[in-house]
Amino acid sequence: MKTWPIWLAGTIALAAVFHILTVFGLPYGIMNRAMAGIASQAGGVNKPLYPERATAESRGIVRPSPDLLYTACVYDVSVQPVKLSSPVPDTYWSLSTFASNTDNFFVVNDREVKSNRIEIILAANEEAGSGQGIPVIVAPSSKGIVLFRSLVPSEDLREEIDAKRREANCEPL
């Protein structure tokens, strides 16, 4: 009796299971690890973290740029909405939100913001953050990461941009 077809079928089935687990499970594992690291440094969820400028050794953010100053926050909208706010400097600036599976679900940058400050409510549903007069973004997952980026175009502007960057906040409503 030939057993190689059974072995081949078993190997293919096992490979398929590992492939599915990797494709669907790995993003959540990556984000859980990133969220745990950011939250532990920030002192919890819905609290901003203002890391030092990126260097060649920095790896808290994937492929960090030394020309950018980052502010990170682990959001949790499971109990209540979170208000994201930040001054918008006169240089490149962006706010990006990432779901628990690494999907980027909202981005806004300095060219789209029509004032020198932005306020957004991140909520579990449209009604949760309504009534504030602030735009509401519905998060596809109850937890994730918010990332603010500010470009430092020249070293003489670094302190000014860093001071504005440290005003970025994510706090429960």
N, C-alpha and C. Protein backbone atom coordinates (compact mmCIF):
# COMPACT_ATOMS: atom_id res chain seq x y z
N MET A 1 0.83 -1.17 0.00
CA MET A 1 0.00 0.00 0.00
C MET A 1 0.89 1.24 0.00
N LYS A 2 0.55 2.20 -0.85
CA LYS A 2 1.34 3.42 -0.95
C LYS A 2 0.84 4.44 0.08
N THR A 3 1.74 4.89 0.93
CA THR A 3 1.37 5.86 1.96
C THR A 3 1.75 7.29 1.60
N TRP A 4 2.52 7.46 0.54
CA TRP A 4 2.95 8.82 0.22
C TRP A 4 1.79 9.76 -0.11
N PRO A 5 0.69 9.33 -0.73
CA PRO A 5 -0.42 10.28 -0.95
C PRO A 5 -1.02 10.78 0.37
N ILE A 6 -1.07 9.92 1.36
CA ILE A 6 -1.58 10.32 2.67
C ILE A 6 -0.64 11.34 3.32
N TRP A 7 0.67 11.06 3.24
CA TRP A 7 1.66 11.99 3.79
C TRP A 7 1.61 13.33 3.05
N LEU A 8 1.48 13.29 1.76
CA LEU A 8 1.41 14.52 0.97
C LEU A 8 0.17 15.33 1.33
N ALA A 9 -0.97 14.67 1.44
CA ALA A 9 -2.21 15.35 1.80
C ALA A 9 -2.11 15.94 3.21
N GLY A 10 -1.52 15.20 4.13
CA GLY A 10 -1.33 15.70 5.50
C GLY A 10 -0.41 16.89 5.55
N THR A 11 0.66 16.83 4.78
CA THR A 11 1.61 17.95 4.74
C THR A 11 0.95 19.19 4.16
N ILE A 12 0.20 19.03 3.09
CA ILE A 12 -0.50 20.17 2.49
C ILE A 12 -1.54 20.75 3.46
N ALA A 13 -2.26 19.90 4.15
CA ALA A 13 -3.26 20.36 5.12
C ALA A 13 -2.59 21.12 6.27
N LEU A 14 -1.48 20.58 6.77
CA LEU A 14 -0.75 21.24 7.85
C LEU A 14 -0.20 22.59 7.39
N ALA A 15 0.35 22.63 6.18
CA ALA A 15 0.87 23.89 5.64
C ALA A 15 -0.26 24.91 5.49
N ALA A 16 -1.42 24.46 5.06
CA ALA A 16 -2.57 25.37 4.90
C ALA A 16 -3.00 25.95 6.25
N VAL A 17 -3.03 25.10 7.28
CA VAL A 17 -3.40 25.56 8.62
C VAL A 17 -2.40 26.61 9.12
N PHE A 18 -1.10 26.34 9.00
CA PHE A 18 -0.08 27.29 9.43
C PHE A 18 -0.15 28.59 8.62
N HIS A 19 -0.42 28.47 7.33
CA HIS A 19 -0.55 29.66 6.49
C HIS A 19 -1.72 30.53 6.97
N ILE A 20 -2.85 29.93 7.20
CA ILE A 20 -4.03 30.68 7.66
C ILE A 20 -3.78 31.31 9.02
N LEU A 21 -3.18 30.57 9.93
CA LEU A 21 -2.86 31.13 11.25
C LEU A 21 -1.90 32.31 11.13
N THR A 22 -0.93 32.19 10.25
CA THR A 22 0.05 33.26 10.07
C THR A 22 -0.60 34.50 9.46
N VAL A 23 -1.35 34.32 8.40
CA VAL A 23 -1.95 35.46 7.70
C VAL A 23 -2.97 36.17 8.58
N PHE A 24 -3.78 35.43 9.31
CA PHE A 24 -4.83 36.05 10.10
C PHE A 24 -4.42 36.33 11.55
N GLY A 25 -3.49 35.59 12.09
CA GLY A 25 -3.12 35.76 13.49
C GLY A 25 -1.93 36.66 13.74
N LEU A 26 -0.96 36.64 12.83
CA LEU A 26 0.27 37.40 13.04
C LEU A 26 0.05 38.91 13.20
N PRO A 27 -0.81 39.54 12.38
CA PRO A 27 -1.02 40.98 12.58
C PRO A 27 -1.51 41.33 13.99
N TYR A 28 -2.41 40.52 14.54
CA TYR A 28 -2.89 40.77 15.90
C TYR A 28 -1.77 40.60 16.92
N GLY A 29 -0.94 39.60 16.72
CA GLY A 29 0.20 39.40 17.63
C GLY A 29 1.17 40.56 17.58
N ILE A 30 1.45 41.05 16.38
CA ILE A 30 2.35 42.20 16.23
C ILE A 30 1.77 43.42 16.94
N MET A 31 0.49 43.69 16.71
CA MET A 31 -0.12 44.87 17.34
C MET A 31 -0.23 44.72 18.85
N ASN A 32 -0.55 43.52 19.33
CA ASN A 32 -0.62 43.33 20.78
C ASN A 32 0.73 43.63 21.43
N ARG A 33 1.79 43.19 20.79
CA ARG A 33 3.13 43.46 21.33
C ARG A 33 3.45 44.95 21.28
N ALA A 34 3.15 45.60 20.15
CA ALA A 34 3.40 47.04 20.02
C ALA A 34 2.57 47.83 21.01
N MET A 35 1.29 47.48 21.16
CA MET A 35 0.42 48.19 22.09
C MET A 35 0.89 48.02 23.53
N ALA A 36 1.31 46.83 23.88
CA ALA A 36 1.80 46.59 25.25
C ALA A 36 3.04 47.42 25.53
N GLY A 37 3.95 47.51 24.56
CA GLY A 37 5.16 48.31 24.75
C GLY A 37 4.88 49.79 24.89
N ILE A 38 4.03 50.31 24.03
CA ILE A 38 3.69 51.74 24.09
C ILE A 38 2.93 52.06 25.37
N ALA A 39 1.92 51.25 25.70
CA ALA A 39 1.12 51.49 26.91
C ALA A 39 1.96 51.41 28.18
N SER A 40 2.91 50.49 28.23
CA SER A 40 3.75 50.38 29.44
C SER A 40 4.65 51.60 29.59
N GLN A 41 5.14 52.13 28.49
CA GLN A 41 5.99 53.33 28.56
C GLN A 41 5.18 54.59 28.83
N ALA A 42 3.93 54.64 28.34
CA ALA A 42 3.09 55.82 28.51
C ALA A 42 2.36 55.82 29.85
N GLY A 43 2.34 54.70 30.53
CA GLY A 43 1.63 54.61 31.81
C GLY A 43 0.19 54.18 31.66
N GLY A 44 -0.15 53.55 30.55
CA GLY A 44 -1.49 53.03 30.34
C GLY A 44 -2.03 53.36 28.97
N VAL A 45 -3.30 53.01 28.76
CA VAL A 45 -3.95 53.31 27.48
C VAL A 45 -4.55 54.71 27.53
N ASN A 46 -4.82 55.26 26.36
CA ASN A 46 -5.37 56.61 26.22
C ASN A 46 -4.48 57.66 26.87
N LYS A 47 -3.19 57.40 26.81
CA LYS A 47 -2.18 58.34 27.32
C LYS A 47 -1.07 58.44 26.29
N PRO A 48 -0.66 59.66 25.95
CA PRO A 48 0.37 59.82 24.91
C PRO A 48 1.77 59.46 25.40
N LEU A 49 2.56 58.99 24.47
CA LEU A 49 3.98 58.71 24.72
C LEU A 49 4.77 59.58 23.77
N TYR A 50 5.72 60.33 24.30
CA TYR A 50 6.55 61.22 23.50
C TYR A 50 7.99 60.70 23.49
N PRO A 51 8.28 59.73 22.63
CA PRO A 51 9.64 59.16 22.63
C PRO A 51 10.67 60.16 22.14
N GLU A 52 11.90 59.92 22.51
CA GLU A 52 13.00 60.76 22.03
C GLU A 52 13.14 60.58 20.52
N ARG A 53 13.90 61.45 19.93
CA ARG A 53 14.13 61.40 18.49
C ARG A 53 14.74 60.06 18.08
N ALA A 54 14.31 59.56 16.93
CA ALA A 54 14.78 58.27 16.45
C ALA A 54 16.26 58.30 16.11
N THR A 55 16.92 57.19 16.42
CA THR A 55 18.33 57.00 16.06
C THR A 55 18.45 55.69 15.30
N ALA A 56 19.67 55.34 14.94
CA ALA A 56 19.90 54.08 14.22
C ALA A 56 19.50 52.87 15.07
N GLU A 57 19.48 53.01 16.40
CA GLU A 57 19.13 51.91 17.29
C GLU A 57 17.64 51.86 17.60
N SER A 58 16.89 52.90 17.27
CA SER A 58 15.46 52.96 17.59
C SER A 58 14.68 51.92 16.82
N ARG A 59 13.81 51.20 17.52
CA ARG A 59 12.97 50.23 16.85
C ARG A 59 11.57 50.16 17.47
N GLY A 60 11.19 51.17 18.27
CA GLY A 60 9.85 51.19 18.83
C GLY A 60 8.80 51.36 17.75
N ILE A 61 9.16 52.04 16.69
CA ILE A 61 8.30 52.24 15.53
C ILE A 61 9.04 51.61 14.35
N VAL A 62 8.32 50.89 13.52
CA VAL A 62 8.95 50.24 12.38
C VAL A 62 9.53 51.30 11.44
N ARG A 63 10.79 51.14 11.10
CA ARG A 63 11.51 52.03 10.19
C ARG A 63 11.36 53.51 10.57
N PRO A 64 11.78 53.88 11.78
CA PRO A 64 11.63 55.28 12.19
C PRO A 64 12.54 56.20 11.38
N SER A 65 12.09 57.42 11.20
CA SER A 65 12.88 58.42 10.49
C SER A 65 13.47 59.41 11.49
N PRO A 66 14.75 59.70 11.43
CA PRO A 66 15.33 60.68 12.35
C PRO A 66 14.87 62.10 12.05
N ASP A 67 14.22 62.33 10.91
CA ASP A 67 13.69 63.65 10.57
C ASP A 67 12.31 63.89 11.16
N LEU A 68 11.72 62.87 11.77
CA LEU A 68 10.38 62.98 12.33
C LEU A 68 10.40 62.83 13.84
N LEU A 69 9.53 63.59 14.50
CA LEU A 69 9.27 63.39 15.92
C LEU A 69 7.92 62.68 16.01
N TYR A 70 7.85 61.64 16.83
CA TYR A 70 6.66 60.82 16.93
C TYR A 70 5.99 61.01 18.28
N THR A 71 4.68 60.89 18.28
CA THR A 71 3.89 60.77 19.50
C THR A 71 3.00 59.56 19.26
N ALA A 72 2.97 58.65 20.21
CA ALA A 72 2.17 57.43 20.06
C ALA A 72 1.20 57.31 21.22
N CYS A 73 0.09 56.65 20.95
CA CYS A 73 -0.92 56.45 21.97
C CYS A 73 -1.65 55.14 21.67
N VAL A 74 -1.85 54.32 22.68
CA VAL A 74 -2.69 53.15 22.54
C VAL A 74 -4.10 53.59 22.92
N TYR A 75 -5.03 53.49 21.97
CA TYR A 75 -6.40 53.89 22.29
C TYR A 75 -7.22 52.69 22.73
N ASP A 76 -8.21 52.96 23.56
CA ASP A 76 -9.19 51.96 23.97
C ASP A 76 -10.55 52.64 24.02
N VAL A 77 -11.41 52.33 23.04
CA VAL A 77 -12.74 52.94 22.96
C VAL A 77 -13.83 51.98 23.43
N SER A 78 -13.45 50.91 24.13
CA SER A 78 -14.43 49.91 24.55
C SER A 78 -15.38 50.44 25.61
N VAL A 79 -14.94 51.38 26.43
CA VAL A 79 -15.78 51.93 27.49
C VAL A 79 -16.34 53.29 27.10
N GLN A 80 -15.50 54.13 26.52
CA GLN A 80 -15.91 55.48 26.14
C GLN A 80 -15.05 55.99 25.00
N PRO A 81 -15.55 56.99 24.26
CA PRO A 81 -14.76 57.55 23.15
C PRO A 81 -13.48 58.21 23.65
N VAL A 82 -12.57 58.43 22.72
CA VAL A 82 -11.28 59.06 23.02
C VAL A 82 -11.16 60.31 22.15
N LYS A 83 -10.76 61.41 22.76
CA LYS A 83 -10.55 62.65 22.02
C LYS A 83 -9.07 62.76 21.66
N LEU A 84 -8.81 62.88 20.36
CA LEU A 84 -7.45 63.09 19.85
C LEU A 84 -7.31 64.58 19.55
N SER A 85 -6.26 65.19 20.04
CA SER A 85 -6.04 66.61 19.77
C SER A 85 -4.55 66.87 19.61
N SER A 86 -4.25 67.88 18.79
CA SER A 86 -2.85 68.23 18.55
C SER A 86 -2.76 69.58 17.86
N PRO A 87 -1.74 70.36 18.22
CA PRO A 87 -1.44 71.51 17.38
C PRO A 87 -0.88 71.01 16.05
N VAL A 88 -1.07 71.77 15.00
CA VAL A 88 -0.55 71.39 13.70
C VAL A 88 0.55 72.40 13.36
N PRO A 89 1.82 71.97 13.38
CA PRO A 89 2.92 72.90 13.13
C PRO A 89 2.99 73.32 11.66
N ASP A 90 3.81 74.32 11.39
CA ASP A 90 4.01 74.82 10.03
C ASP A 90 5.05 73.98 9.29
N THR A 91 4.88 72.69 9.34
CA THR A 91 5.75 71.73 8.66
C THR A 91 4.91 70.49 8.40
N TYR A 92 5.50 69.47 7.79
CA TYR A 92 4.72 68.25 7.59
C TYR A 92 4.31 67.70 8.94
N TRP A 93 3.05 67.30 9.03
CA TRP A 93 2.49 66.72 10.24
C TRP A 93 1.41 65.73 9.81
N SER A 94 1.27 64.63 10.53
CA SER A 94 0.18 63.70 10.23
C SER A 94 -0.29 62.99 11.49
N LEU A 95 -1.52 62.51 11.42
CA LEU A 95 -2.13 61.69 12.46
C LEU A 95 -2.65 60.45 11.76
N SER A 96 -2.22 59.29 12.22
CA SER A 96 -2.65 58.02 11.64
C SER A 96 -3.19 57.13 12.74
N THR A 97 -4.25 56.38 12.42
CA THR A 97 -4.81 55.45 13.38
C THR A 97 -4.75 54.04 12.82
N PHE A 98 -4.43 53.09 13.68
CA PHE A 98 -4.24 51.71 13.29
C PHE A 98 -5.12 50.81 14.17
N ALA A 99 -5.85 49.91 13.53
CA ALA A 99 -6.70 48.95 14.24
C ALA A 99 -5.84 47.84 14.84
N SER A 100 -6.48 46.97 15.62
CA SER A 100 -5.76 45.90 16.31
C SER A 100 -5.18 44.85 15.37
N ASN A 101 -5.53 44.90 14.09
CA ASN A 101 -4.96 43.95 13.11
C ASN A 101 -3.94 44.63 12.19
N THR A 102 -3.47 45.79 12.55
CA THR A 102 -2.48 46.63 11.85
C THR A 102 -3.08 47.45 10.71
N ASP A 103 -4.38 47.33 10.42
CA ASP A 103 -4.99 48.13 9.35
C ASP A 103 -4.96 49.62 9.71
N ASN A 104 -4.52 50.43 8.78
CA ASN A 104 -4.56 51.88 8.92
C ASN A 104 -5.95 52.32 8.46
N PHE A 105 -6.77 52.85 9.38
CA PHE A 105 -8.15 53.16 9.01
C PHE A 105 -8.46 54.65 8.93
N PHE A 106 -7.53 55.51 9.35
CA PHE A 106 -7.76 56.95 9.22
C PHE A 106 -6.42 57.67 9.19
N VAL A 107 -6.31 58.64 8.29
CA VAL A 107 -5.10 59.47 8.20
C VAL A 107 -5.53 60.89 7.86
N VAL A 108 -4.89 61.83 8.49
CA VAL A 108 -5.05 63.24 8.13
C VAL A 108 -3.67 63.89 8.24
N ASN A 109 -3.38 64.85 7.35
CA ASN A 109 -2.09 65.52 7.44
C ASN A 109 -2.26 67.03 7.44
N ASP A 110 -1.14 67.74 7.54
CA ASP A 110 -1.17 69.20 7.66
C ASP A 110 -1.84 69.88 6.48
N ARG A 111 -1.80 69.31 5.30
CA ARG A 111 -2.42 69.92 4.13
C ARG A 111 -3.94 69.85 4.18
N GLU A 112 -4.47 68.87 4.90
CA GLU A 112 -5.92 68.70 5.00
C GLU A 112 -6.54 69.46 6.16
N VAL A 113 -5.76 69.77 7.18
CA VAL A 113 -6.26 70.50 8.34
C VAL A 113 -6.26 71.98 8.01
N LYS A 114 -7.39 72.62 8.19
CA LYS A 114 -7.53 74.02 7.80
C LYS A 114 -7.29 75.00 8.94
N SER A 115 -6.76 74.52 10.05
CA SER A 115 -6.46 75.39 11.18
C SER A 115 -5.13 74.96 11.79
N ASN A 116 -4.72 75.62 12.85
CA ASN A 116 -3.45 75.26 13.49
C ASN A 116 -3.62 74.25 14.62
N ARG A 117 -4.83 73.68 14.73
CA ARG A 117 -5.11 72.67 15.76
C ARG A 117 -6.17 71.71 15.21
N ILE A 118 -6.05 70.45 15.62
CA ILE A 118 -7.04 69.45 15.22
C ILE A 118 -7.60 68.76 16.45
N GLU A 119 -8.89 68.47 16.38
CA GLU A 119 -9.57 67.67 17.40
C GLU A 119 -10.46 66.67 16.69
N ILE A 120 -10.35 65.42 17.08
CA ILE A 120 -11.13 64.33 16.49
C ILE A 120 -11.56 63.42 17.63
N ILE A 121 -12.76 62.88 17.51
CA ILE A 121 -13.22 61.89 18.48
C ILE A 121 -13.13 60.52 17.83
N LEU A 122 -12.49 59.61 18.51
CA LEU A 122 -12.39 58.21 18.08
C LEU A 122 -13.37 57.43 18.94
N ALA A 123 -14.30 56.72 18.29
CA ALA A 123 -15.36 56.06 19.04
C ALA A 123 -15.64 54.66 18.50
N ALA A 124 -16.36 53.88 19.29
CA ALA A 124 -16.74 52.52 18.89
C ALA A 124 -17.88 52.55 17.88
N ASN A 125 -18.68 53.62 17.92
CA ASN A 125 -19.76 53.77 16.95
C ASN A 125 -20.05 55.26 16.76
N GLU A 126 -20.79 55.58 15.73
CA GLU A 126 -21.06 56.97 15.35
C GLU A 126 -21.73 57.76 16.46
N GLU A 127 -22.66 57.14 17.18
CA GLU A 127 -23.41 57.83 18.21
C GLU A 127 -22.58 58.09 19.47
N ALA A 128 -21.58 57.27 19.71
CA ALA A 128 -20.81 57.36 20.95
C ALA A 128 -20.11 58.70 21.12
N GLY A 129 -19.68 59.30 20.04
CA GLY A 129 -18.95 60.56 20.17
C GLY A 129 -19.71 61.75 19.63
N SER A 130 -20.97 61.56 19.24
CA SER A 130 -21.71 62.67 18.65
C SER A 130 -22.12 63.69 19.71
N GLY A 131 -22.50 64.87 19.25
CA GLY A 131 -22.95 65.91 20.16
C GLY A 131 -21.83 66.79 20.68
N GLN A 132 -20.61 66.53 20.29
CA GLN A 132 -19.47 67.32 20.76
C GLN A 132 -19.11 68.43 19.78
N GLY A 133 -19.65 68.37 18.56
CA GLY A 133 -19.27 69.34 17.54
C GLY A 133 -17.90 69.08 16.95
N ILE A 134 -17.40 67.88 17.17
CA ILE A 134 -16.07 67.47 16.69
C ILE A 134 -16.28 66.27 15.78
N PRO A 135 -15.53 66.17 14.67
CA PRO A 135 -15.68 65.00 13.79
C PRO A 135 -15.46 63.69 14.55
N VAL A 136 -16.28 62.69 14.23
CA VAL A 136 -16.20 61.38 14.87
C VAL A 136 -15.67 60.37 13.86
N ILE A 137 -14.65 59.63 14.25
CA ILE A 137 -14.11 58.54 13.46
C ILE A 137 -14.45 57.25 14.19
N VAL A 138 -15.08 56.32 13.49
CA VAL A 138 -15.44 55.04 14.09
C VAL A 138 -14.27 54.07 13.94
N ALA A 139 -13.79 53.59 15.07
CA ALA A 139 -12.67 52.64 15.08
C ALA A 139 -13.20 51.24 14.79
N PRO A 140 -12.56 50.50 13.89
CA PRO A 140 -13.00 49.14 13.59
C PRO A 140 -12.66 48.13 14.68
N SER A 141 -11.82 48.51 15.62
CA SER A 141 -11.50 47.64 16.75
C SER A 141 -11.49 48.49 18.01
N SER A 142 -11.76 47.88 19.14
CA SER A 142 -11.84 48.65 20.38
C SER A 142 -10.48 49.17 20.83
N LYS A 143 -9.40 48.52 20.40
CA LYS A 143 -8.06 48.96 20.76
C LYS A 143 -7.20 49.07 19.52
N GLY A 144 -6.22 49.94 19.59
CA GLY A 144 -5.30 50.14 18.48
C GLY A 144 -4.28 51.20 18.84
N ILE A 145 -3.64 51.75 17.82
CA ILE A 145 -2.57 52.73 18.03
C ILE A 145 -2.87 53.99 17.23
N VAL A 146 -2.61 55.13 17.85
CA VAL A 146 -2.65 56.43 17.18
C VAL A 146 -1.20 56.89 17.09
N LEU A 147 -0.81 57.38 15.91
CA LEU A 147 0.55 57.83 15.70
C LEU A 147 0.53 59.23 15.09
N PHE A 148 1.13 60.18 15.82
CA PHE A 148 1.31 61.54 15.32
C PHE A 148 2.75 61.65 14.83
N ARG A 149 2.95 62.32 13.69
CA ARG A 149 4.30 62.52 13.17
C ARG A 149 4.48 64.01 12.85
N SER A 150 5.64 64.55 13.20
CA SER A 150 5.98 65.95 12.90
C SER A 150 7.37 65.99 12.29
N LEU A 151 7.48 66.62 11.13
CA LEU A 151 8.77 66.75 10.46
C LEU A 151 9.59 67.87 11.09
N VAL A 152 10.87 67.60 11.28
CA VAL A 152 11.82 68.62 11.73
C VAL A 152 12.68 68.98 10.52
N PRO A 153 12.32 70.08 9.82
CA PRO A 153 13.04 70.40 8.59
C PRO A 153 14.45 70.93 8.80
N SER A 154 14.69 71.52 9.98
CA SER A 154 16.04 71.99 10.31
C SER A 154 16.24 71.93 11.82
N GLU A 155 17.47 71.74 12.22
CA GLU A 155 17.77 71.55 13.63
C GLU A 155 17.38 72.75 14.49
N ASP A 156 17.43 73.97 13.93
CA ASP A 156 17.07 75.15 14.73
C ASP A 156 15.57 75.22 15.04
N LEU A 157 14.73 74.41 14.37
CA LEU A 157 13.30 74.36 14.65
C LEU A 157 12.89 73.18 15.52
N ARG A 158 13.85 72.32 15.85
CA ARG A 158 13.53 71.09 16.58
C ARG A 158 12.84 71.36 17.92
N GLU A 159 13.36 72.29 18.72
CA GLU A 159 12.77 72.54 20.04
C GLU A 159 11.34 73.06 19.93
N GLU A 160 11.11 73.96 18.98
CA GLU A 160 9.76 74.51 18.79
C GLU A 160 8.78 73.43 18.35
N ILE A 161 9.18 72.60 17.42
CA ILE A 161 8.30 71.52 16.93
C ILE A 161 8.11 70.47 18.02
N ASP A 162 9.16 70.18 18.79
CA ASP A 162 9.05 69.22 19.88
C ASP A 162 8.07 69.72 20.94
N ALA A 163 8.10 71.00 21.24
CA ALA A 163 7.17 71.56 22.24
C ALA A 163 5.73 71.41 21.76
N LYS A 164 5.47 71.67 20.48
CA LYS A 164 4.12 71.50 19.94
C LYS A 164 3.72 70.03 19.93
N ARG A 165 4.66 69.18 19.58
CA ARG A 165 4.39 67.75 19.52
C ARG A 165 3.98 67.21 20.89
N ARG A 166 4.54 67.75 21.93
CA ARG A 166 4.23 67.31 23.30
C ARG A 166 2.87 67.79 23.79
N GLU A 167 2.19 68.60 22.98
CA GLU A 167 0.82 69.00 23.27
C GLU A 167 -0.19 68.03 22.66
N ALA A 168 0.27 67.11 21.81
CA ALA A 168 -0.63 66.11 21.24
C ALA A 168 -1.16 65.24 22.35
N ASN A 169 -2.45 64.90 22.27
CA ASN A 169 -3.05 64.17 23.37
C ASN A 169 -4.11 63.19 22.86
N CYS A 170 -4.33 62.16 23.63
CA CYS A 170 -5.46 61.25 23.43
C CYS A 170 -5.99 60.94 24.82
N GLU A 171 -7.22 61.36 25.04
CA GLU A 171 -7.79 61.22 26.38
C GLU A 171 -9.25 60.81 26.31
N PRO A 172 -9.70 60.02 27.25
CA PRO A 172 -11.10 59.60 27.25
C PRO A 172 -12.01 60.82 27.41
N LEU A 173 -13.17 60.76 26.75
CA LEU A 173 -14.17 61.84 26.92
C LEU A 173 -14.87 61.71 28.24
